Amino acid sequence: MSSTSSTFFSRVRPVPEPFHLRLMREFPADPDPRKRSYLFGAYRDEGGRPFVLPEVVEVEKEFVREDEEGNEREGAGEISRR
């Protein structure tokens, strides 16, 4: 390594750990049996079948209600045309 690059990196200060990475690191240590991780996108039940979180179902219902009421969200029209 050249002295120029070592001088450059010696001046770089570390940044704080991103919140989502801290959550991923600390999540296993939380003893609360009600905890749920929302950091990953695919869930399966005990039988290996896809499982949609109840919270996701509620948000989807809210989106449908908003669309039925004519409240267009940015990008919603593009998504619904697919």
PDB file of N, CA and C in Angstrom:
ATOM      1  N   MET A   1       0.865  -1.171   0.000  1.00  0.00           N
ATOM      2  CA  MET A   1       0.000   0.000   0.000  1.00  0.00           C
ATOM      3  C   MET A   1       0.904   1.224   0.000  1.00  0.00           C
ATOM      4  N   SER A   2       0.550   2.168  -0.842  1.00  0.00           N
ATOM      5  CA  SER A   2       1.389   3.361  -0.920  1.00  0.00           C
ATOM      6  C   SER A   2       1.113   4.287   0.257  1.00  0.00           C
ATOM      7  N   SER A   3       2.043   5.169   0.508  1.00  0.00           N
ATOM      8  CA  SER A   3       1.873   6.103   1.626  1.00  0.00           C
ATOM      9  C   SER A   3       0.725   7.072   1.366  1.00  0.00           C
ATOM     10  N   THR A   4       0.426   7.367   0.085  1.00  0.00           N
ATOM     11  CA  THR A   4      -0.680   8.265  -0.241  1.00  0.00           C
ATOM     12  C   THR A   4      -2.008   7.659   0.174  1.00  0.00           C
ATOM     13  N   SER A   5      -2.231   6.373  -0.163  1.00  0.00           N
ATOM     14  CA  SER A   5      -3.513   5.750   0.178  1.00  0.00           C
ATOM     15  C   SER A   5      -3.635   5.533   1.680  1.00  0.00           C
ATOM     16  N   SER A   6      -2.549   5.186   2.363  1.00  0.00           N
ATOM     17  CA  SER A   6      -2.650   4.999   3.811  1.00  0.00           C
ATOM     18  C   SER A   6      -2.915   6.329   4.507  1.00  0.00           C
ATOM     19  N   THR A   7      -2.382   7.423   3.970  1.00  0.00           N
ATOM     20  CA  THR A   7      -2.656   8.748   4.532  1.00  0.00           C
ATOM     21  C   THR A   7      -4.115   9.113   4.318  1.00  0.00           C
ATOM     22  N   PHE A   8      -4.642   8.835   3.139  1.00  0.00           N
ATOM     23  CA  PHE A   8      -6.038   9.136   2.842  1.00  0.00           C
ATOM     24  C   PHE A   8      -6.967   8.385   3.794  1.00  0.00           C
ATOM     25  N   PHE A   9      -6.785   7.088   3.928  1.00  0.00           N
ATOM     26  CA  PHE A   9      -7.682   6.289   4.763  1.00  0.00           C
ATOM     27  C   PHE A   9      -7.497   6.556   6.253  1.00  0.00           C
ATOM     28  N   SER A  10      -6.353   7.015   6.644  1.00  0.00           N
ATOM     29  CA  SER A  10      -6.164   7.336   8.058  1.00  0.00           C
ATOM     30  C   SER A  10      -6.989   8.557   8.468  1.00  0.00           C
ATOM     31  N   ARG A  11      -7.393   9.367   7.487  1.00  0.00           N
ATOM     32  CA  ARG A  11      -8.208  10.549   7.782  1.00  0.00           C
ATOM     33  C   ARG A  11      -9.711  10.266   7.715  1.00  0.00           C
ATOM     34  N   VAL A  12     -10.079   9.095   7.237  1.00  0.00           N
ATOM     35  CA  VAL A  12     -11.502   8.752   7.099  1.00  0.00           C
ATOM     36  C   VAL A  12     -12.038   8.331   8.459  1.00  0.00           C
ATOM     37  N   ARG A  13     -13.089   8.998   8.890  1.00  0.00           N
ATOM     38  CA  ARG A  13     -13.687   8.668  10.183  1.00  0.00           C
ATOM     39  C   ARG A  13     -14.810   7.651   9.990  1.00  0.00           C
ATOM     40  N   PRO A  14     -14.965   6.732  10.916  1.00  0.00           N
ATOM     41  CA  PRO A  14     -16.057   5.757  10.791  1.00  0.00           C
ATOM     42  C   PRO A  14     -17.411   6.447  10.949  1.00  0.00           C
ATOM     43  N   VAL A  15     -18.402   5.920  10.243  1.00  0.00           N
ATOM     44  CA  VAL A  15     -19.763   6.458  10.352  1.00  0.00           C
ATOM     45  C   VAL A  15     -20.535   5.611  11.353  1.00  0.00           C
ATOM     46  N   PRO A  16     -21.604   6.144  11.927  1.00  0.00           N
ATOM     47  CA  PRO A  16     -22.408   5.349  12.847  1.00  0.00           C
ATOM     48  C   PRO A  16     -23.021   4.149  12.120  1.00  0.00           C
ATOM     49  N   GLU A  17     -23.225   3.093  12.850  1.00  0.00           N
ATOM     50  CA  GLU A  17     -23.825   1.891  12.280  1.00  0.00           C
ATOM     51  C   GLU A  17     -25.247   2.199  11.823  1.00  0.00           C
ATOM     52  N   PRO A  18     -25.612   1.812  10.597  1.00  0.00           N
ATOM     53  CA  PRO A  18     -26.986   2.052  10.137  1.00  0.00           C
ATOM     54  C   PRO A  18     -27.994   1.350  11.057  1.00  0.00           C
ATOM     55  N   PHE A  19     -29.129   2.002  11.259  1.00  0.00           N
ATOM     56  CA  PHE A  19     -30.136   1.505  12.187  1.00  0.00           C
ATOM     57  C   PHE A  19     -30.592   0.087  11.834  1.00  0.00           C
ATOM     58  N   HIS A  20     -30.844  -0.181  10.546  1.00  0.00           N
ATOM     59  CA  HIS A  20     -31.341  -1.501  10.172  1.00  0.00           C
ATOM     60  C   HIS A  20     -30.300  -2.593  10.436  1.00  0.00           C
ATOM     61  N   LEU A  21     -29.024  -2.265  10.297  1.00  0.00           N
ATOM     62  CA  LEU A  21     -27.992  -3.263  10.597  1.00  0.00           C
ATOM     63  C   LEU A  21     -27.907  -3.530  12.101  1.00  0.00           C
ATOM     64  N   ARG A  22     -28.095  -2.479  12.887  1.00  0.00           N
ATOM     65  CA  ARG A  22     -28.110  -2.662  14.346  1.00  0.00           C
ATOM     66  C   ARG A  22     -29.289  -3.542  14.748  1.00  0.00           C
ATOM     67  N   LEU A  23     -30.447  -3.309  14.144  1.00  0.00           N
ATOM     68  CA  LEU A  23     -31.610  -4.145  14.441  1.00  0.00           C
ATOM     69  C   LEU A  23     -31.346  -5.610  14.108  1.00  0.00           C
ATOM     70  N   MET A  24     -30.749  -5.844  12.949  1.00  0.00           N
ATOM     71  CA  MET A  24     -30.447  -7.228  12.548  1.00  0.00           C
ATOM     72  C   MET A  24     -29.483  -7.884  13.530  1.00  0.00           C
ATOM     73  N   ARG A  25     -28.530  -7.129  14.031  1.00  0.00           N
ATOM     74  CA  ARG A  25     -27.547  -7.663  14.969  1.00  0.00           C
ATOM     75  C   ARG A  25     -28.167  -7.925  16.339  1.00  0.00           C
ATOM     76  N   GLU A  26     -29.036  -7.020  16.801  1.00  0.00           N
ATOM     77  CA  GLU A  26     -29.606  -7.133  18.145  1.00  0.00           C
ATOM     78  C   GLU A  26     -30.858  -8.010  18.208  1.00  0.00           C
ATOM     79  N   PHE A  27     -31.519  -8.239  17.099  1.00  0.00           N
ATOM     80  CA  PHE A  27     -32.785  -8.966  17.090  1.00  0.00           C
ATOM     81  C   PHE A  27     -32.713 -10.337  17.772  1.00  0.00           C
ATOM     82  N   PRO A  28     -31.723 -11.168  17.477  1.00  0.00           N
ATOM     83  CA  PRO A  28     -31.685 -12.502  18.104  1.00  0.00           C
ATOM     84  C   PRO A  28     -31.617 -12.460  19.634  1.00  0.00           C
ATOM     85  N   ALA A  29     -31.077 -11.401  20.203  1.00  0.00           N
ATOM     86  CA  ALA A  29     -30.930 -11.329  21.659  1.00  0.00           C
ATOM     87  C   ALA A  29     -32.218 -10.914  22.372  1.00  0.00           C
ATOM     88  N   ASP A  30     -33.197 -10.414  21.630  1.00  0.00           N
ATOM     89  CA  ASP A  30     -34.460  -9.970  22.242  1.00  0.00           C
ATOM     90  C   ASP A  30     -35.277 -11.191  22.654  1.00  0.00           C
ATOM     91  N   PRO A  31     -35.596 -11.345  23.959  1.00  0.00           N
ATOM     92  CA  PRO A  31     -36.299 -12.543  24.420  1.00  0.00           C
ATOM     93  C   PRO A  31     -37.821 -12.495  24.221  1.00  0.00           C
ATOM     94  N   ASP A  32     -38.374 -11.388  23.783  1.00  0.00           N
ATOM     95  CA  ASP A  32     -39.827 -11.260  23.652  1.00  0.00           C
ATOM     96  C   ASP A  32     -40.351 -12.251  22.608  1.00  0.00           C
ATOM     97  N   PRO A  33     -41.263 -13.173  22.998  1.00  0.00           N
ATOM     98  CA  PRO A  33     -41.765 -14.168  22.051  1.00  0.00           C
ATOM     99  C   PRO A  33     -42.696 -13.558  20.995  1.00  0.00           C
ATOM    100  N   ARG A  34     -43.135 -12.334  21.196  1.00  0.00           N
ATOM    101  CA  ARG A  34     -44.023 -11.686  20.228  1.00  0.00           C
ATOM    102  C   ARG A  34     -43.270 -10.979  19.111  1.00  0.00           C
ATOM    103  N   LYS A  35     -41.961 -10.946  19.182  1.00  0.00           N
ATOM    104  CA  LYS A  35     -41.189 -10.182  18.206  1.00  0.00           C
ATOM    105  C   LYS A  35     -41.353 -10.770  16.804  1.00  0.00           C
ATOM    106  N   ARG A  36     -41.304  -9.876  15.817  1.00  0.00           N
ATOM    107  CA  ARG A  36     -41.354 -10.270  14.414  1.00  0.00           C
ATOM    108  C   ARG A  36     -40.324  -9.439  13.675  1.00  0.00           C
ATOM    109  N   SER A  37     -39.629 -10.086  12.786  1.00  0.00           N
ATOM    110  CA  SER A  37     -38.659  -9.365  11.981  1.00  0.00           C
ATOM    111  C   SER A  37     -39.316  -8.946  10.678  1.00  0.00           C
ATOM    112  N   TYR A  38     -39.245  -7.666  10.361  1.00  0.00           N
ATOM    113  CA  TYR A  38     -39.768  -7.139   9.112  1.00  0.00           C
ATOM    114  C   TYR A  38     -38.624  -6.780   8.169  1.00  0.00           C
ATOM    115  N   LEU A  39     -37.441  -7.259   8.456  1.00  0.00           N
ATOM    116  CA  LEU A  39     -36.277  -6.888   7.661  1.00  0.00           C
ATOM    117  C   LEU A  39     -36.103  -7.755   6.429  1.00  0.00           C
ATOM    118  N   PHE A  40     -36.807  -8.847   6.334  1.00  0.00           N
ATOM    119  CA  PHE A  40     -36.687  -9.743   5.194  1.00  0.00           C
ATOM    120  C   PHE A  40     -38.044  -9.855   4.529  1.00  0.00           C
ATOM    121  N   GLY A  41     -38.081 -10.139   3.231  1.00  0.00           N
ATOM    122  CA  GLY A  41     -39.317 -10.051   2.489  1.00  0.00           C
ATOM    123  C   GLY A  41     -40.137 -11.306   2.336  1.00  0.00           C
ATOM    124  N   ALA A  42     -39.626 -12.480   2.630  1.00  0.00           N
ATOM    125  CA  ALA A  42     -40.384 -13.705   2.398  1.00  0.00           C
ATOM    126  C   ALA A  42     -40.508 -14.495   3.692  1.00  0.00           C
ATOM    127  N   TYR A  43     -41.714 -14.892   3.993  1.00  0.00           N
ATOM    128  CA  TYR A  43     -41.979 -15.649   5.214  1.00  0.00           C
ATOM    129  C   TYR A  43     -42.670 -16.948   4.859  1.00  0.00           C
ATOM    130  N   ARG A  44     -42.435 -17.978   5.636  1.00  0.00           N
ATOM    131  CA  ARG A  44     -43.059 -19.286   5.434  1.00  0.00           C
ATOM    132  C   ARG A  44     -43.628 -19.771   6.758  1.00  0.00           C
ATOM    133  N   ASP A  45     -44.734 -20.525   6.660  1.00  0.00           N
ATOM    134  CA  ASP A  45     -45.287 -21.109   7.878  1.00  0.00           C
ATOM    135  C   ASP A  45     -44.564 -22.422   8.168  1.00  0.00           C
ATOM    136  N   GLU A  46     -45.035 -23.133   9.195  1.00  0.00           N
ATOM    137  CA  GLU A  46     -44.372 -24.374   9.597  1.00  0.00           C
ATOM    138  C   GLU A  46     -44.374 -25.421   8.483  1.00  0.00           C
ATOM    139  N   GLY A  47     -45.363 -25.334   7.585  1.00  0.00           N
ATOM    140  CA  GLY A  47     -45.451 -26.277   6.470  1.00  0.00           C
ATOM    141  C   GLY A  47     -44.693 -25.842   5.239  1.00  0.00           C
ATOM    142  N   GLY A  48     -44.002 -24.714   5.321  1.00  0.00           N
ATOM    143  CA  GLY A  48     -43.233 -24.224   4.191  1.00  0.00           C
ATOM    144  C   GLY A  48     -44.047 -23.417   3.191  1.00  0.00           C
ATOM    145  N   ARG A  49     -45.310 -23.169   3.490  1.00  0.00           N
ATOM    146  CA  ARG A  49     -46.165 -22.392   2.603  1.00  0.00           C
ATOM    147  C   ARG A  49     -45.942 -20.894   2.838  1.00  0.00           C
ATOM    148  N   PRO A  50     -46.089 -20.082   1.774  1.00  0.00           N
ATOM    149  CA  PRO A  50     -45.925 -18.630   1.955  1.00  0.00           C
ATOM    150  C   PRO A  50     -46.904 -18.101   2.999  1.00  0.00           C
ATOM    151  N   PHE A  51     -46.420 -17.196   3.826  1.00  0.00           N
ATOM    152  CA  PHE A  51     -47.230 -16.602   4.890  1.00  0.00           C
ATOM    153  C   PHE A  51     -47.170 -15.089   4.737  1.00  0.00           C
ATOM    154  N   VAL A  52     -48.352 -14.485   4.615  1.00  0.00           N
ATOM    155  CA  VAL A  52     -48.424 -13.028   4.515  1.00  0.00           C
ATOM    156  C   VAL A  52     -48.752 -12.491   5.901  1.00  0.00           C
ATOM    157  N   LEU A  53     -47.918 -11.604   6.389  1.00  0.00           N
ATOM    158  CA  LEU A  53     -48.129 -11.036   7.718  1.00  0.00           C
ATOM    159  C   LEU A  53     -49.459 -10.287   7.771  1.00  0.00           C
ATOM    160  N   PRO A  54     -50.193 -10.418   8.876  1.00  0.00           N
ATOM    161  CA  PRO A  54     -51.481  -9.729   9.003  1.00  0.00           C
ATOM    162  C   PRO A  54     -51.362  -8.217   8.785  1.00  0.00           C
ATOM    163  N   GLU A  55     -50.262  -7.641   9.200  1.00  0.00           N
ATOM    164  CA  GLU A  55     -50.056  -6.204   9.013  1.00  0.00           C
ATOM    165  C   GLU A  55     -49.979  -5.846   7.530  1.00  0.00           C
ATOM    166  N   VAL A  56     -49.383  -6.714   6.740  1.00  0.00           N
ATOM    167  CA  VAL A  56     -49.283  -6.478   5.303  1.00  0.00           C
ATOM    168  C   VAL A  56     -50.673  -6.558   4.667  1.00  0.00           C
ATOM    169  N   VAL A  57     -51.474  -7.520   5.095  1.00  0.00           N
ATOM    170  CA  VAL A  57     -52.843  -7.649   4.583  1.00  0.00           C
ATOM    171  C   VAL A  57     -53.636  -6.381   4.876  1.00  0.00           C
ATOM    172  N   GLU A  58     -53.499  -5.845   6.081  1.00  0.00           N
ATOM    173  CA  GLU A  58     -54.224  -4.620   6.448  1.00  0.00           C
ATOM    174  C   GLU A  58     -53.799  -3.430   5.592  1.00  0.00           C
ATOM    175  N   VAL A  59     -52.512  -3.293   5.343  1.00  0.00           N
ATOM    176  CA  VAL A  59     -52.021  -2.185   4.515  1.00  0.00           C
ATOM    177  C   VAL A  59     -52.540  -2.345   3.085  1.00  0.00           C
ATOM    178  N   GLU A  60     -52.535  -3.567   2.568  1.00  0.00           N
ATOM    179  CA  GLU A  60     -53.061  -3.791   1.224  1.00  0.00           C
ATOM    180  C   GLU A  60     -54.540  -3.399   1.147  1.00  0.00           C
ATOM    181  N   LYS A  61     -55.311  -3.757   2.167  1.00  0.00           N
ATOM    182  CA  LYS A  61     -56.732  -3.389   2.198  1.00  0.00           C
ATOM    183  C   LYS A  61     -56.895  -1.869   2.197  1.00  0.00           C
ATOM    184  N   GLU A  62     -56.039  -1.180   2.943  1.00  0.00           N
ATOM    185  CA  GLU A  62     -56.092   0.284   2.994  1.00  0.00           C
ATOM    186  C   GLU A  62     -55.786   0.882   1.618  1.00  0.00           C
ATOM    187  N   PHE A  63     -54.803   0.321   0.913  1.00  0.00           N
ATOM    188  CA  PHE A  63     -54.489   0.799  -0.434  1.00  0.00           C
ATOM    189  C   PHE A  63     -55.684   0.621  -1.362  1.00  0.00           C
ATOM    190  N   VAL A  64     -56.340  -0.523  -1.279  1.00  0.00           N
ATOM    191  CA  VAL A  64     -57.509  -0.777  -2.125  1.00  0.00           C
ATOM    192  C   VAL A  64     -58.608   0.219  -1.804  1.00  0.00           C
ATOM    193  N   ARG A  65     -58.852   0.462  -0.509  1.00  0.00           N
ATOM    194  CA  ARG A  65     -59.868   1.440  -0.104  1.00  0.00           C
ATOM    195  C   ARG A  65     -59.540   2.822  -0.666  1.00  0.00           C
ATOM    196  N   GLU A  66     -58.285   3.217  -0.573  1.00  0.00           N
ATOM    197  CA  GLU A  66     -57.882   4.523  -1.100  1.00  0.00           C
ATOM    198  C   GLU A  66     -58.124   4.598  -2.600  1.00  0.00           C
ATOM    199  N   ASP A  67     -57.791   3.526  -3.328  1.00  0.00           N
ATOM    200  CA  ASP A  67     -57.999   3.512  -4.770  1.00  0.00           C
ATOM    201  C   ASP A  67     -59.485   3.586  -5.105  1.00  0.00           C
ATOM    202  N   GLU A  68     -60.306   2.876  -4.352  1.00  0.00           N
ATOM    203  CA  GLU A  68     -61.747   2.892  -4.596  1.00  0.00           C
ATOM    204  C   GLU A  68     -62.342   4.271  -4.322  1.00  0.00           C
ATOM    205  N   GLU A  69     -61.724   5.008  -3.410  1.00  0.00           N
ATOM    206  CA  GLU A  69     -62.188   6.355  -3.090  1.00  0.00           C
ATOM    207  C   GLU A  69     -61.648   7.385  -4.075  1.00  0.00           C
ATOM    208  N   GLY A  70     -60.802   6.954  -4.992  1.00  0.00           N
ATOM    209  CA  GLY A  70     -60.260   7.866  -5.995  1.00  0.00           C
ATOM    210  C   GLY A  70     -59.039   8.625  -5.556  1.00  0.00           C
ATOM    211  N   ASN A  71     -58.420   8.218  -4.474  1.00  0.00           N
ATOM    212  CA  ASN A  71     -57.198   8.882  -4.007  1.00  0.00           C
ATOM    213  C   ASN A  71     -56.003   8.218  -4.676  1.00  0.00           C
ATOM    214  N   GLU A  72     -55.589   8.778  -5.788  1.00  0.00           N
ATOM    215  CA  GLU A  72     -54.481   8.212  -6.548  1.00  0.00           C
ATOM    216  C   GLU A  72     -53.155   8.465  -5.845  1.00  0.00           C
ATOM    217  N   ARG A  73     -52.405   7.401  -5.580  1.00  0.00           N
ATOM    218  CA  ARG A  73     -51.069   7.533  -5.016  1.00  0.00           C
ATOM    219  C   ARG A  73     -50.076   7.632  -6.165  1.00  0.00           C
ATOM    220  N   GLU A  74     -48.996   8.308  -5.948  1.00  0.00           N
ATOM    221  CA  GLU A  74     -47.975   8.447  -6.980  1.00  0.00           C
ATOM    222  C   GLU A  74     -47.469   7.064  -7.368  1.00  0.00           C
ATOM    223  N   GLY A  75     -47.530   6.749  -8.647  1.00  0.00           N
ATOM    224  CA  GLY A  75     -47.056   5.455  -9.142  1.00  0.00           C
ATOM    225  C   GLY A  75     -48.084   4.350  -9.077  1.00  0.00           C
ATOM    226  N   ALA A  76     -49.195   4.552  -8.393  1.00  0.00           N
ATOM    227  CA  ALA A  76     -50.184   3.476  -8.238  1.00  0.00           C
ATOM    228  C   ALA A  76     -50.791   3.093  -9.578  1.00  0.00           C
ATOM    229  N   GLY A  77     -51.045   4.063 -10.434  1.00  0.00           N
ATOM    230  CA  GLY A  77     -51.614   3.760 -11.745  1.00  0.00           C
ATOM    231  C   GLY A  77     -50.700   2.889 -12.574  1.00  0.00           C
ATOM    232  N   GLU A  78     -49.417   3.162 -12.516  1.00  0.00           N
ATOM    233  CA  GLU A  78     -48.445   2.365 -13.257  1.00  0.00           C
ATOM    234  C   GLU A  78     -48.432   0.920 -12.759  1.00  0.00           C
ATOM    235  N   ILE A  79     -48.484   0.730 -11.459  1.00  0.00           N
ATOM    236  CA  ILE A  79     -48.457  -0.604 -10.874  1.00  0.00           C
ATOM    237  C   ILE A  79     -49.711  -1.379 -11.265  1.00  0.00           C
ATOM    238  N   SER A  80     -50.883  -0.730 -11.208  1.00  0.00           N
ATOM    239  CA  SER A  80     -52.127  -1.426 -11.490  1.00  0.00           C
ATOM    240  C   SER A  80     -52.292  -1.791 -12.961  1.00  0.00           C
ATOM    241  N   ARG A  81     -51.526  -1.164 -13.854  1.00  0.00           N
ATOM    242  CA  ARG A  81     -51.621  -1.489 -15.281  1.00  0.00           C
ATOM    243  C   ARG A  81     -50.796  -2.705 -15.650  1.00  0.00           C
ATOM    244  N   ARG A  82     -49.975  -3.210 -14.768  1.00  0.00           N
ATOM    245  CA  ARG A  82     -49.104  -4.347 -15.086  1.00  0.00           C
ATOM    246  C   ARG A  82     -49.875  -5.627 -15.125  1.00  0.00           C
TER     247      ARG A  82
END
